[in-house]
Amino acid sequence: MRKKVVLACVECGSRNYSTTSNKKTQTERLELKKYCRTCGMQTIHRETK
């Protein structure tokens, strides 16, 4: 029951990463702190629709 998810930077909005998420156990949006190449620093990346 894992689905592909795209992560977008909160600061600049660029979609940098993709990962998988279990939709049965995790109902809210996934948030991870990742490195953004456009911002040049670690920012929060949130799951997009």
Protein backbone atom coordinates (compact mmCIF):
# COMPACT_ATOMS: atom_id res chain seq x y z
CA MET A 1 0.00 0.00 0.00
CA ARG A 2 2.95 2.35 -0.55
CA LYS A 3 2.49 5.27 -2.95
CA LYS A 4 4.98 7.52 -4.71
CA VAL A 5 5.20 11.05 -3.31
CA VAL A 6 6.95 14.17 -4.60
CA LEU A 7 8.56 16.52 -2.07
CA ALA A 8 8.68 20.27 -2.72
CA CYS A 9 10.71 22.93 -0.91
CA VAL A 10 8.67 25.23 1.32
CA GLU A 11 10.93 28.26 0.66
CA CYS A 12 11.26 28.28 -3.15
CA GLY A 13 8.67 25.67 -4.25
CA SER A 14 11.02 23.57 -6.39
CA ARG A 15 10.26 19.86 -6.52
CA ASN A 16 13.57 18.20 -5.69
CA TYR A 17 12.91 14.77 -4.19
CA SER A 18 10.61 11.79 -4.63
CA THR A 19 10.00 8.99 -2.15
CA THR A 20 7.35 6.48 -1.09
CA SER A 21 4.87 6.73 1.76
CA ASN A 22 2.54 4.24 3.43
CA LYS A 23 -0.95 5.75 3.11
CA LYS A 24 -2.58 3.35 5.61
CA THR A 25 -0.41 4.33 8.57
CA GLN A 26 0.39 7.95 7.63
CA THR A 27 -2.65 10.03 6.74
CA GLU A 28 -1.15 13.55 7.02
CA ARG A 29 1.38 15.09 4.64
CA LEU A 30 4.99 13.99 4.88
CA GLU A 31 7.52 16.66 5.97
CA LEU A 32 11.29 16.10 5.87
CA LYS A 33 14.25 18.40 6.31
CA LYS A 34 16.33 18.04 3.12
CA TYR A 35 18.98 19.99 1.21
CA CYS A 36 17.63 22.28 -1.54
CA ARG A 37 20.03 23.08 -4.38
CA THR A 38 18.24 26.28 -5.39
CA CYS A 39 18.17 27.71 -1.84
CA GLY A 40 21.62 26.37 -0.99
CA MET A 41 20.64 25.22 2.51
CA GLN A 42 18.58 22.65 4.39
CA THR A 43 14.89 23.48 4.31
CA ILE A 44 11.63 21.68 5.03
CA HIS A 45 10.29 19.71 2.08
CA ARG A 46 6.58 18.92 2.11
CA GLU A 47 4.56 16.35 0.19
CA THR A 48 2.72 17.81 -2.82
CA LYS A 49 -0.61 16.78 -4.23
